[in-house]
Amino acid sequence: MSVPEFRSQLPRLPQPTELVVEKTPAHVFALEKICRDPQSKALITVRNPVDVVASMRKRGIALNEAIDTYYSFNKEWLRFESSDSIYVQRYEDLTENPHRCLKKLSQQFGLNLITGNVKRLDSQQIYFSGHGLGPVPGEFTDGLGHRNHLALRNHQMKQPLKSMNGEWRGRINKAELSLTLSKLRPIILSLGYHECFDYPANFDSCDPK
């Protein structure tokens, strides 16, 4: 479906809608369509690749699949990096200074995200549901399995913005770290996460097996 075709469906929504926001990582593969449409924009959030891969491993995703996913998704959006339709937000900046970043994002997209963030923390809404399972309660879990993953996402939606970087040390071992750095080297350099190359020398002594 083209962007104009999608927009033509908006009048059918139950209430008047001026802005539609959709969060699906795979939309990076539709950026060519998005960038051609003058009324559409894309917000790209990037994060330390080692932590992303380690997080996917924690969810039970195979190492090579996690690495390939990070590589392909970031390689794709980098093709459109110079487009005025693209705005890039680093996870590390957002969690270090949420107010400043939310203020910039509000100006960029014409929204009051600072107030929206407060409402998010107070909301009792369940954001993610299981396929055929109905609403999945928000609770802290290990995130393994479809239902636990959705429950963890619902839990996370109620948490203040804070950095979760550094937890890779308890999720991957040295061999997995070495393979991650080797395969993702071009993307690490493109995104400016040079500190990742210091990780092997500082790897914690409690090497997970």
N, C-alpha and C. Protein backbone atom coordinates (compact mmCIF):
# COMPACT_ATOMS: atom_id res chain seq x y z
N MET A 1 0.84 -1.20 0.00
CA MET A 1 0.00 0.00 0.00
C MET A 1 0.88 1.25 0.00
N SER A 2 0.56 2.21 -0.84
CA SER A 2 1.31 3.46 -0.89
C SER A 2 0.88 4.35 0.28
N VAL A 3 1.69 5.38 0.56
CA VAL A 3 1.35 6.31 1.62
C VAL A 3 0.03 7.04 1.32
N PRO A 4 -0.20 7.54 0.11
CA PRO A 4 -1.50 8.18 -0.18
C PRO A 4 -2.67 7.23 0.01
N GLU A 5 -2.49 5.96 -0.37
CA GLU A 5 -3.57 4.98 -0.18
C GLU A 5 -3.85 4.78 1.30
N PHE A 6 -2.79 4.73 2.10
CA PHE A 6 -2.97 4.60 3.54
C PHE A 6 -3.71 5.81 4.10
N ARG A 7 -3.33 7.00 3.65
CA ARG A 7 -3.96 8.21 4.16
C ARG A 7 -5.44 8.27 3.77
N SER A 8 -5.77 7.69 2.65
CA SER A 8 -7.16 7.71 2.21
C SER A 8 -8.07 6.91 3.15
N GLN A 9 -7.46 6.03 3.98
CA GLN A 9 -8.25 5.24 4.91
C GLN A 9 -8.57 6.01 6.20
N LEU A 10 -7.88 7.12 6.46
CA LEU A 10 -8.03 7.83 7.72
C LEU A 10 -9.45 8.33 7.99
N PRO A 11 -10.18 8.82 6.99
CA PRO A 11 -11.56 9.27 7.29
C PRO A 11 -12.45 8.17 7.84
N ARG A 12 -12.07 6.92 7.67
CA ARG A 12 -12.88 5.81 8.16
C ARG A 12 -12.64 5.50 9.63
N LEU A 13 -11.66 6.15 10.23
CA LEU A 13 -11.38 5.92 11.64
C LEU A 13 -12.53 6.43 12.49
N PRO A 14 -12.74 5.85 13.68
CA PRO A 14 -13.91 6.19 14.50
C PRO A 14 -13.95 7.64 14.97
N GLN A 15 -12.83 8.33 15.00
CA GLN A 15 -12.81 9.73 15.41
C GLN A 15 -11.85 10.50 14.52
N PRO A 16 -12.05 11.82 14.38
CA PRO A 16 -11.17 12.62 13.52
C PRO A 16 -9.71 12.47 13.94
N THR A 17 -8.84 12.27 12.95
CA THR A 17 -7.42 12.03 13.23
C THR A 17 -6.56 12.93 12.35
N GLU A 18 -5.71 13.72 13.00
CA GLU A 18 -4.82 14.59 12.25
C GLU A 18 -3.43 13.99 12.11
N LEU A 19 -3.07 13.12 13.05
CA LEU A 19 -1.73 12.55 13.03
C LEU A 19 -1.80 11.07 13.39
N VAL A 20 -1.17 10.26 12.59
CA VAL A 20 -1.09 8.82 12.86
C VAL A 20 0.36 8.46 13.12
N VAL A 21 0.61 7.82 14.27
CA VAL A 21 1.95 7.38 14.63
C VAL A 21 1.95 5.87 14.71
N GLU A 22 2.90 5.23 14.04
CA GLU A 22 2.95 3.78 14.03
C GLU A 22 4.39 3.33 14.31
N LYS A 23 4.54 2.48 15.31
CA LYS A 23 5.87 2.02 15.73
C LYS A 23 6.07 0.57 15.29
N THR A 24 6.75 0.42 14.19
CA THR A 24 7.12 -0.91 13.73
C THR A 24 8.52 -0.80 13.13
N PRO A 25 9.51 -1.47 13.74
CA PRO A 25 10.89 -1.34 13.24
C PRO A 25 11.03 -1.65 11.75
N ALA A 26 10.25 -2.60 11.24
CA ALA A 26 10.38 -2.98 9.83
C ALA A 26 9.97 -1.88 8.87
N HIS A 27 9.40 -0.79 9.38
CA HIS A 27 9.03 0.33 8.51
C HIS A 27 10.26 1.00 7.90
N VAL A 28 11.44 0.69 8.40
CA VAL A 28 12.65 1.24 7.76
C VAL A 28 12.73 0.77 6.31
N PHE A 29 12.11 -0.36 6.01
CA PHE A 29 12.13 -0.86 4.63
C PHE A 29 11.06 -0.20 3.76
N ALA A 30 10.33 0.74 4.34
CA ALA A 30 9.35 1.52 3.57
C ALA A 30 9.77 2.99 3.50
N LEU A 31 11.01 3.28 3.88
CA LEU A 31 11.44 4.68 3.94
C LEU A 31 11.45 5.37 2.58
N GLU A 32 11.64 4.61 1.54
CA GLU A 32 11.61 5.23 0.21
C GLU A 32 10.24 5.85 -0.05
N LYS A 33 9.18 5.13 0.32
CA LYS A 33 7.82 5.66 0.18
C LYS A 33 7.59 6.82 1.12
N ILE A 34 8.03 6.67 2.37
CA ILE A 34 7.81 7.70 3.38
C ILE A 34 8.51 9.00 3.00
N CYS A 35 9.74 8.89 2.53
CA CYS A 35 10.50 10.10 2.19
C CYS A 35 9.96 10.80 0.95
N ARG A 36 9.25 10.08 0.11
CA ARG A 36 8.66 10.71 -1.08
C ARG A 36 7.40 11.48 -0.74
N ASP A 37 6.81 11.21 0.41
CA ASP A 37 5.54 11.84 0.78
C ASP A 37 5.81 13.08 1.63
N PRO A 38 5.40 14.27 1.18
CA PRO A 38 5.73 15.51 1.89
C PRO A 38 5.09 15.63 3.28
N GLN A 39 4.06 14.83 3.55
CA GLN A 39 3.38 14.92 4.85
C GLN A 39 3.82 13.83 5.83
N SER A 40 4.78 13.04 5.44
CA SER A 40 5.22 11.93 6.28
C SER A 40 6.65 12.14 6.78
N LYS A 41 6.90 11.68 8.01
CA LYS A 41 8.24 11.74 8.58
C LYS A 41 8.52 10.43 9.30
N ALA A 42 9.80 10.17 9.50
CA ALA A 42 10.21 8.96 10.22
C ALA A 42 11.17 9.34 11.35
N LEU A 43 10.90 8.79 12.51
CA LEU A 43 11.79 8.96 13.66
C LEU A 43 12.57 7.66 13.84
N ILE A 44 13.87 7.76 13.71
CA ILE A 44 14.75 6.60 13.85
C ILE A 44 15.46 6.69 15.19
N THR A 45 15.30 5.66 16.01
CA THR A 45 15.99 5.60 17.30
C THR A 45 17.12 4.58 17.20
N VAL A 46 18.33 5.01 17.52
CA VAL A 46 19.48 4.11 17.47
C VAL A 46 20.02 3.89 18.87
N ARG A 47 20.57 2.69 19.09
CA ARG A 47 21.09 2.34 20.40
C ARG A 47 22.35 1.51 20.25
N ASN A 48 23.18 1.53 21.28
CA ASN A 48 24.39 0.73 21.33
C ASN A 48 24.12 -0.68 20.81
N PRO A 49 24.81 -1.10 19.75
CA PRO A 49 24.50 -2.39 19.13
C PRO A 49 24.73 -3.60 20.02
N VAL A 50 25.73 -3.55 20.89
CA VAL A 50 26.01 -4.68 21.76
C VAL A 50 24.83 -4.91 22.71
N ASP A 51 24.29 -3.83 23.26
CA ASP A 51 23.15 -3.96 24.16
C ASP A 51 21.90 -4.44 23.43
N VAL A 52 21.73 -3.99 22.19
CA VAL A 52 20.56 -4.44 21.43
C VAL A 52 20.66 -5.94 21.13
N VAL A 53 21.81 -6.37 20.67
CA VAL A 53 22.00 -7.79 20.37
C VAL A 53 21.83 -8.63 21.64
N ALA A 54 22.41 -8.17 22.75
CA ALA A 54 22.30 -8.90 24.01
C ALA A 54 20.85 -8.97 24.48
N SER A 55 20.09 -7.90 24.28
CA SER A 55 18.68 -7.89 24.65
C SER A 55 17.89 -8.90 23.83
N MET A 56 18.20 -8.98 22.55
CA MET A 56 17.52 -9.96 21.69
C MET A 56 17.90 -11.38 22.09
N ARG A 57 19.14 -11.58 22.48
CA ARG A 57 19.58 -12.90 22.94
C ARG A 57 18.80 -13.30 24.20
N LYS A 58 18.58 -12.33 25.08
CA LYS A 58 17.83 -12.60 26.31
C LYS A 58 16.41 -13.07 26.00
N ARG A 59 15.87 -12.60 24.89
CA ARG A 59 14.52 -12.99 24.49
C ARG A 59 14.51 -14.34 23.76
N GLY A 60 15.67 -14.97 23.64
CA GLY A 60 15.73 -16.28 23.01
C GLY A 60 16.04 -16.27 21.53
N ILE A 61 16.38 -15.10 20.98
CA ILE A 61 16.71 -15.01 19.56
C ILE A 61 18.16 -15.45 19.35
N ALA A 62 18.40 -16.25 18.33
CA ALA A 62 19.74 -16.75 18.04
C ALA A 62 20.70 -15.58 17.78
N LEU A 63 21.96 -15.77 18.15
CA LEU A 63 22.95 -14.70 18.04
C LEU A 63 23.07 -14.17 16.61
N ASN A 64 23.23 -15.06 15.64
CA ASN A 64 23.40 -14.60 14.26
C ASN A 64 22.18 -13.87 13.75
N GLU A 65 21.00 -14.31 14.16
CA GLU A 65 19.76 -13.63 13.76
C GLU A 65 19.70 -12.23 14.37
N ALA A 66 20.09 -12.11 15.64
CA ALA A 66 20.09 -10.81 16.31
C ALA A 66 21.08 -9.85 15.63
N ILE A 67 22.26 -10.35 15.32
CA ILE A 67 23.27 -9.53 14.65
C ILE A 67 22.79 -9.10 13.27
N ASP A 68 22.27 -10.06 12.50
CA ASP A 68 21.82 -9.75 11.14
C ASP A 68 20.66 -8.76 11.14
N THR A 69 19.77 -8.88 12.12
CA THR A 69 18.64 -7.95 12.23
C THR A 69 19.13 -6.54 12.49
N TYR A 70 20.03 -6.39 13.46
CA TYR A 70 20.56 -5.06 13.76
C TYR A 70 21.26 -4.48 12.53
N TYR A 71 22.05 -5.30 11.86
CA TYR A 71 22.82 -4.83 10.70
C TYR A 71 21.88 -4.38 9.57
N SER A 72 20.94 -5.24 9.21
CA SER A 72 20.09 -4.96 8.04
C SER A 72 19.18 -3.76 8.28
N PHE A 73 18.61 -3.65 9.49
CA PHE A 73 17.71 -2.54 9.77
C PHE A 73 18.44 -1.21 9.75
N ASN A 74 19.62 -1.16 10.36
CA ASN A 74 20.36 0.10 10.40
C ASN A 74 20.99 0.44 9.05
N LYS A 75 21.45 -0.56 8.34
CA LYS A 75 21.98 -0.32 7.00
C LYS A 75 20.92 0.28 6.10
N GLU A 76 19.67 -0.17 6.28
CA GLU A 76 18.58 0.31 5.43
C GLU A 76 18.28 1.78 5.68
N TRP A 77 18.11 2.19 6.96
CA TRP A 77 17.74 3.58 7.19
C TRP A 77 18.90 4.52 6.87
N LEU A 78 20.14 4.05 6.99
CA LEU A 78 21.29 4.90 6.69
C LEU A 78 21.32 5.32 5.22
N ARG A 79 20.62 4.58 4.37
CA ARG A 79 20.52 4.97 2.96
C ARG A 79 19.79 6.30 2.81
N PHE A 80 18.94 6.64 3.78
CA PHE A 80 18.10 7.84 3.70
C PHE A 80 18.50 8.87 4.75
N GLU A 81 19.69 8.73 5.30
CA GLU A 81 20.14 9.56 6.41
C GLU A 81 20.06 11.06 6.10
N SER A 82 20.32 11.45 4.87
CA SER A 82 20.35 12.86 4.51
C SER A 82 18.98 13.45 4.20
N SER A 83 17.95 12.62 4.21
CA SER A 83 16.60 13.09 3.89
C SER A 83 16.05 14.00 4.99
N ASP A 84 15.35 15.06 4.59
CA ASP A 84 14.70 15.95 5.55
C ASP A 84 13.53 15.27 6.25
N SER A 85 13.10 14.13 5.73
CA SER A 85 11.99 13.40 6.34
C SER A 85 12.44 12.51 7.49
N ILE A 86 13.75 12.41 7.71
CA ILE A 86 14.30 11.53 8.72
C ILE A 86 14.83 12.32 9.91
N TYR A 87 14.44 11.91 11.10
CA TYR A 87 14.99 12.50 12.34
C TYR A 87 15.55 11.34 13.16
N VAL A 88 16.81 11.49 13.57
CA VAL A 88 17.48 10.41 14.30
C VAL A 88 17.65 10.80 15.77
N GLN A 89 17.25 9.88 16.65
CA GLN A 89 17.37 10.10 18.09
C GLN A 89 18.20 8.97 18.70
N ARG A 90 19.28 9.33 19.39
CA ARG A 90 20.09 8.33 20.07
C ARG A 90 19.44 7.97 21.41
N TYR A 91 19.32 6.69 21.65
CA TYR A 91 18.76 6.18 22.91
C TYR A 91 19.53 6.74 24.11
N GLU A 92 20.84 6.78 23.99
CA GLU A 92 21.68 7.24 25.09
C GLU A 92 21.40 8.69 25.45
N ASP A 93 21.19 9.54 24.45
CA ASP A 93 20.88 10.95 24.72
C ASP A 93 19.50 11.09 25.35
N LEU A 94 18.55 10.30 24.85
CA LEU A 94 17.18 10.37 25.36
C LEU A 94 17.12 9.97 26.84
N THR A 95 17.83 8.92 27.22
CA THR A 95 17.77 8.46 28.60
C THR A 95 18.64 9.29 29.53
N GLU A 96 19.65 9.97 28.98
CA GLU A 96 20.51 10.82 29.81
C GLU A 96 19.83 12.15 30.12
N ASN A 97 19.12 12.70 29.15
CA ASN A 97 18.44 13.98 29.36
C ASN A 97 17.07 13.95 28.67
N PRO A 98 16.09 13.23 29.26
CA PRO A 98 14.78 13.07 28.62
C PRO A 98 14.09 14.39 28.31
N HIS A 99 14.14 15.34 29.25
CA HIS A 99 13.41 16.61 29.04
C HIS A 99 13.94 17.34 27.82
N ARG A 100 15.25 17.45 27.70
CA ARG A 100 15.84 18.18 26.57
C ARG A 100 15.49 17.49 25.25
N CYS A 101 15.61 16.17 25.21
CA CYS A 101 15.32 15.44 23.97
C CYS A 101 13.84 15.48 23.61
N LEU A 102 12.98 15.33 24.61
CA LEU A 102 11.55 15.39 24.33
C LEU A 102 11.12 16.78 23.86
N LYS A 103 11.79 17.80 24.37
CA LYS A 103 11.50 19.16 23.92
C LYS A 103 11.86 19.32 22.44
N LYS A 104 13.03 18.80 22.04
CA LYS A 104 13.44 18.88 20.64
C LYS A 104 12.51 18.08 19.74
N LEU A 105 12.14 16.89 20.21
CA LEU A 105 11.23 16.06 19.43
C LEU A 105 9.85 16.71 19.30
N SER A 106 9.41 17.39 20.35
CA SER A 106 8.13 18.10 20.30
C SER A 106 8.15 19.18 19.24
N GLN A 107 9.25 19.92 19.17
CA GLN A 107 9.39 20.97 18.16
C GLN A 107 9.45 20.37 16.75
N GLN A 108 10.13 19.25 16.63
CA GLN A 108 10.30 18.61 15.33
C GLN A 108 8.99 18.09 14.77
N PHE A 109 8.14 17.52 15.64
CA PHE A 109 6.93 16.85 15.16
C PHE A 109 5.64 17.57 15.52
N GLY A 110 5.75 18.73 16.18
CA GLY A 110 4.55 19.49 16.50
C GLY A 110 3.68 18.84 17.54
N LEU A 111 4.32 18.22 18.54
CA LEU A 111 3.59 17.54 19.60
C LEU A 111 4.12 17.98 20.95
N ASN A 112 3.30 17.82 21.99
CA ASN A 112 3.76 18.09 23.35
C ASN A 112 4.13 16.76 23.99
N LEU A 113 5.35 16.31 23.72
CA LEU A 113 5.77 15.00 24.21
C LEU A 113 6.15 15.03 25.68
N ILE A 114 6.43 16.20 26.23
CA ILE A 114 6.74 16.29 27.66
C ILE A 114 5.49 15.98 28.48
N THR A 115 4.36 16.60 28.10
CA THR A 115 3.09 16.28 28.75
C THR A 115 2.68 14.84 28.46
N GLY A 116 2.91 14.42 27.22
CA GLY A 116 2.58 13.06 26.83
C GLY A 116 3.33 12.03 27.65
N ASN A 117 4.58 12.34 27.99
CA ASN A 117 5.38 11.41 28.79
C ASN A 117 4.80 11.27 30.20
N VAL A 118 4.32 12.38 30.76
CA VAL A 118 3.70 12.34 32.09
C VAL A 118 2.43 11.48 32.05
N LYS A 119 1.63 11.67 31.00
CA LYS A 119 0.39 10.89 30.87
C LYS A 119 0.71 9.41 30.69
N ARG A 120 1.78 9.12 29.98
CA ARG A 120 2.17 7.71 29.79
C ARG A 120 2.46 7.03 31.12
N LEU A 121 3.16 7.73 32.00
CA LEU A 121 3.53 7.15 33.29
C LEU A 121 2.30 6.92 34.17
N ASP A 122 1.28 7.77 34.00
CA ASP A 122 0.07 7.67 34.83
C ASP A 122 -0.98 6.74 34.23
N SER A 123 -0.82 6.40 32.96
CA SER A 123 -1.85 5.64 32.26
C SER A 123 -1.91 4.19 32.74
N GLN A 124 -3.13 3.65 32.77
CA GLN A 124 -3.36 2.24 33.10
C GLN A 124 -3.64 1.42 31.84
N GLN A 125 -3.43 2.02 30.70
CA GLN A 125 -3.72 1.35 29.44
C GLN A 125 -2.80 0.15 29.21
N ILE A 126 -3.35 -0.92 28.66
CA ILE A 126 -2.56 -2.07 28.24
C ILE A 126 -2.28 -1.90 26.75
N TYR A 127 -1.01 -1.81 26.40
CA TYR A 127 -0.64 -1.47 25.03
C TYR A 127 -0.51 -2.69 24.13
N PHE A 128 -0.06 -3.80 24.69
CA PHE A 128 0.21 -4.98 23.87
C PHE A 128 -0.67 -6.14 24.31
N SER A 129 -1.19 -6.86 23.35
CA SER A 129 -2.04 -8.01 23.63
C SER A 129 -1.47 -9.24 22.94
N GLY A 130 -1.83 -10.41 23.46
CA GLY A 130 -1.39 -11.65 22.84
C GLY A 130 -2.33 -12.04 21.72
N HIS A 131 -1.80 -12.71 20.72
CA HIS A 131 -2.63 -13.15 19.60
C HIS A 131 -3.63 -14.19 20.10
N GLY A 132 -4.90 -13.80 20.18
CA GLY A 132 -5.94 -14.70 20.64
C GLY A 132 -5.97 -14.87 22.15
N LEU A 133 -5.08 -14.16 22.86
CA LEU A 133 -5.00 -14.32 24.32
C LEU A 133 -5.65 -13.16 25.06
N GLY A 134 -6.03 -12.13 24.34
CA GLY A 134 -6.59 -10.95 25.01
C GLY A 134 -5.49 -10.11 25.62
N PRO A 135 -5.85 -9.13 26.46
CA PRO A 135 -4.86 -8.23 27.07
C PRO A 135 -3.84 -8.99 27.90
N VAL A 136 -2.58 -8.58 27.77
CA VAL A 136 -1.51 -9.18 28.56
C VAL A 136 -1.10 -8.19 29.63
N PRO A 137 -1.23 -8.54 30.92
CA PRO A 137 -0.92 -7.58 31.99
C PRO A 137 0.54 -7.14 31.95
N GLY A 138 0.79 -5.94 32.44
CA GLY A 138 2.15 -5.44 32.50
C GLY A 138 2.84 -5.92 33.76
N GLU A 139 3.87 -6.70 33.62
CA GLU A 139 4.59 -7.20 34.78
C GLU A 139 6.04 -7.48 34.37
N PHE A 140 6.95 -7.39 35.35
CA PHE A 140 8.34 -7.63 35.04
C PHE A 140 8.57 -9.13 34.90
N THR A 141 9.03 -9.55 33.73
CA THR A 141 9.33 -10.96 33.49
C THR A 141 10.69 -11.06 32.83
N ASP A 142 11.11 -12.30 32.54
CA ASP A 142 12.39 -12.47 31.84
C ASP A 142 12.25 -12.18 30.36
N GLY A 143 11.02 -11.99 29.88
CA GLY A 143 10.81 -11.65 28.48
C GLY A 143 10.90 -12.82 27.53
N LEU A 144 11.10 -14.03 28.05
CA LEU A 144 11.22 -15.21 27.19
C LEU A 144 9.84 -15.71 26.79
N GLY A 145 9.67 -15.96 25.52
CA GLY A 145 8.37 -16.41 25.04
C GLY A 145 7.48 -15.23 24.67
N HIS A 146 6.53 -15.48 23.78
CA HIS A 146 5.70 -14.40 23.24
C HIS A 146 4.93 -13.66 24.33
N ARG A 147 4.25 -14.39 25.20
CA ARG A 147 3.43 -13.74 26.22
C ARG A 147 4.28 -12.96 27.21
N ASN A 148 5.38 -13.56 27.67
CA ASN A 148 6.27 -12.85 28.60
C ASN A 148 6.89 -11.62 27.96
N HIS A 149 7.18 -11.71 26.67
CA HIS A 149 7.74 -10.55 25.97
C HIS A 149 6.74 -9.40 25.95
N LEU A 150 5.47 -9.71 25.67
CA LEU A 150 4.43 -8.67 25.65
C LEU A 150 4.19 -8.12 27.06
N ALA A 151 4.22 -8.99 28.06
CA ALA A 151 4.04 -8.53 29.44
C ALA A 151 5.17 -7.59 29.83
N LEU A 152 6.39 -7.94 29.45
CA LEU A 152 7.53 -7.07 29.75
C LEU A 152 7.40 -5.74 29.04
N ARG A 153 6.94 -5.75 27.78
CA ARG A 153 6.75 -4.50 27.05
C ARG A 153 5.70 -3.62 27.75
N ASN A 154 4.62 -4.21 28.20
CA ASN A 154 3.60 -3.45 28.91
C ASN A 154 4.16 -2.87 30.21
N HIS A 155 5.00 -3.63 30.89
CA HIS A 155 5.66 -3.15 32.10
C HIS A 155 6.57 -1.97 31.78
N GLN A 156 7.35 -2.10 30.72
CA GLN A 156 8.30 -1.06 30.35
C GLN A 156 7.62 0.24 29.96
N MET A 157 6.41 0.14 29.40
CA MET A 157 5.69 1.34 28.98
C MET A 157 5.32 2.23 30.16
N LYS A 158 5.36 1.69 31.37
CA LYS A 158 5.00 2.46 32.57
C LYS A 158 6.22 2.97 33.33
N GLN A 159 7.43 2.70 32.80
CA GLN A 159 8.64 3.05 33.53
C GLN A 159 9.21 4.41 33.08
N PRO A 160 9.84 5.14 33.99
CA PRO A 160 10.52 6.39 33.61
C PRO A 160 11.63 6.09 32.61
N LEU A 161 11.96 7.08 31.80
CA LEU A 161 13.05 6.92 30.84
C LEU A 161 14.38 6.83 31.57
N LYS A 162 15.06 5.72 31.41
CA LYS A 162 16.37 5.54 32.04
C LYS A 162 17.20 4.59 31.19
N SER A 163 18.50 4.73 31.28
CA SER A 163 19.39 3.90 30.47
C SER A 163 19.47 2.48 31.00
N MET A 164 19.33 1.53 30.08
CA MET A 164 19.50 0.12 30.41
C MET A 164 20.77 -0.43 29.77
N ASN A 165 21.61 0.46 29.26
CA ASN A 165 22.86 0.03 28.63
C ASN A 165 23.80 -0.57 29.67
N GLY A 166 24.64 -1.49 29.23
CA GLY A 166 25.61 -2.12 30.11
C GLY A 166 25.16 -3.49 30.58
N GLU A 167 23.88 -3.82 30.37
CA GLU A 167 23.39 -5.10 30.83
C GLU A 167 23.82 -6.26 29.93
N TRP A 168 24.47 -5.94 28.82
CA TRP A 168 24.97 -6.99 27.93
C TRP A 168 25.96 -7.90 28.66
N ARG A 169 26.62 -7.37 29.69
CA ARG A 169 27.65 -8.15 30.39
C ARG A 169 27.08 -9.42 31.03
N GLY A 170 25.81 -9.40 31.36
CA GLY A 170 25.21 -10.58 31.95
C GLY A 170 24.41 -11.41 30.97
N ARG A 171 24.49 -11.06 29.68
CA ARG A 171 23.62 -11.71 28.70
C ARG A 171 24.37 -12.41 27.57
N ILE A 172 25.60 -11.98 27.29
CA ILE A 172 26.40 -12.64 26.27
C ILE A 172 27.79 -12.91 26.81
N ASN A 173 28.47 -13.90 26.24
CA ASN A 173 29.82 -14.22 26.69
C ASN A 173 30.86 -13.57 25.77
N LYS A 174 32.11 -13.79 26.04
CA LYS A 174 33.17 -13.12 25.29
C LYS A 174 33.18 -13.51 23.82
N ALA A 175 32.93 -14.79 23.55
CA ALA A 175 32.92 -15.24 22.16
C ALA A 175 31.78 -14.57 21.39
N GLU A 176 30.62 -14.46 22.01
CA GLU A 176 29.48 -13.80 21.38
C GLU A 176 29.74 -12.31 21.18
N LEU A 177 30.39 -11.69 22.15
CA LEU A 177 30.75 -10.29 22.04
C LEU A 177 31.71 -10.08 20.87
N SER A 178 32.71 -10.94 20.76
CA SER A 178 33.70 -10.83 19.68
C SER A 178 33.04 -10.96 18.32
N LEU A 179 32.12 -11.91 18.17
CA LEU A 179 31.44 -12.10 16.90
C LEU A 179 30.55 -10.90 16.58
N THR A 180 29.88 -10.38 17.59
CA THR A 180 29.02 -9.21 17.40
C THR A 180 29.82 -8.01 16.90
N LEU A 181 30.95 -7.76 17.53
CA LEU A 181 31.78 -6.62 17.14
C LEU A 181 32.36 -6.80 15.73
N SER A 182 32.74 -8.04 15.41
CA SER A 182 33.31 -8.31 14.10
C SER A 182 32.29 -8.10 12.98
N LYS A 183 31.09 -8.66 13.15
CA LYS A 183 30.07 -8.59 12.11
C LYS A 183 29.45 -7.20 11.99
N LEU A 184 29.39 -6.48 13.10
CA LEU A 184 28.73 -5.18 13.08
C LEU A 184 29.71 -4.01 12.95
N ARG A 185 30.96 -4.29 12.74
CA ARG A 185 31.96 -3.22 12.70
C ARG A 185 31.58 -2.06 11.77
N PRO A 186 31.16 -2.31 10.52
CA PRO A 186 30.81 -1.17 9.64
C PRO A 186 29.68 -0.31 10.21
N ILE A 187 28.67 -0.95 10.79
CA ILE A 187 27.54 -0.21 11.35
C ILE A 187 27.96 0.52 12.61
N ILE A 188 28.78 -0.11 13.44
CA ILE A 188 29.27 0.54 14.66
C ILE A 188 30.01 1.83 14.31
N LEU A 189 30.84 1.77 13.28
CA LEU A 189 31.58 2.96 12.85
C LEU A 189 30.64 4.01 12.27
N SER A 190 29.66 3.59 11.48
CA SER A 190 28.72 4.54 10.87
C SER A 190 27.89 5.27 11.92
N LEU A 191 27.52 4.54 12.98
CA LEU A 191 26.67 5.13 14.03
C LEU A 191 27.47 5.83 15.13
N GLY A 192 28.77 5.66 15.11
CA GLY A 192 29.61 6.36 16.09
C GLY A 192 29.69 5.71 17.46
N TYR A 193 29.45 4.41 17.54
CA TYR A 193 29.54 3.71 18.83
C TYR A 193 30.93 3.09 19.00
N HIS A 194 31.94 3.92 18.89
CA HIS A 194 33.32 3.43 18.93
C HIS A 194 33.68 2.81 20.28
N GLU A 195 32.98 3.20 21.34
CA GLU A 195 33.29 2.66 22.66
C GLU A 195 33.09 1.16 22.73
N CYS A 196 32.31 0.61 21.81
CA CYS A 196 32.08 -0.84 21.80
C CYS A 196 33.37 -1.63 21.64
N PHE A 197 34.32 -1.06 20.93
CA PHE A 197 35.57 -1.78 20.68
C PHE A 197 36.44 -1.87 21.93
N ASP A 198 36.09 -1.14 22.99
CA ASP A 198 36.83 -1.24 24.25
C ASP A 198 36.24 -2.32 25.17
N TYR A 199 35.08 -2.85 24.81
CA TYR A 199 34.40 -3.78 25.70
C TYR A 199 35.19 -5.06 25.98
N PRO A 200 35.82 -5.69 24.98
CA PRO A 200 36.54 -6.95 25.29
C PRO A 200 37.59 -6.80 26.36
N ALA A 201 38.31 -5.68 26.36
CA ALA A 201 39.37 -5.48 27.35
C ALA A 201 38.80 -5.25 28.73
N ASN A 202 37.56 -4.75 28.80
CA ASN A 202 36.94 -4.44 30.09
C ASN A 202 35.88 -5.46 30.48
N PHE A 203 35.88 -6.60 29.78
CA PHE A 203 34.83 -7.59 30.03
C PHE A 203 34.89 -8.06 31.47
N ASP A 204 33.72 -8.12 32.09
CA ASP A 204 33.63 -8.50 33.50
C ASP A 204 34.14 -9.92 33.71
N SER A 205 34.74 -10.18 34.84
CA SER A 205 35.30 -11.49 35.12
C SER A 205 34.26 -12.58 35.21
N CYS A 206 33.00 -12.21 35.49
CA CYS A 206 31.94 -13.23 35.58
C CYS A 206 31.37 -13.46 34.18
N ASP A 207 32.14 -14.15 33.36
CA ASP A 207 31.79 -14.43 31.97
C ASP A 207 30.65 -15.43 31.92
N PRO A 208 29.44 -15.01 31.46
CA PRO A 208 28.31 -15.94 31.42
C PRO A 208 28.54 -17.05 30.41
N LYS A 209 28.05 -18.23 30.69
CA LYS A 209 28.22 -19.37 29.79
C LYS A 209 26.91 -19.65 29.06
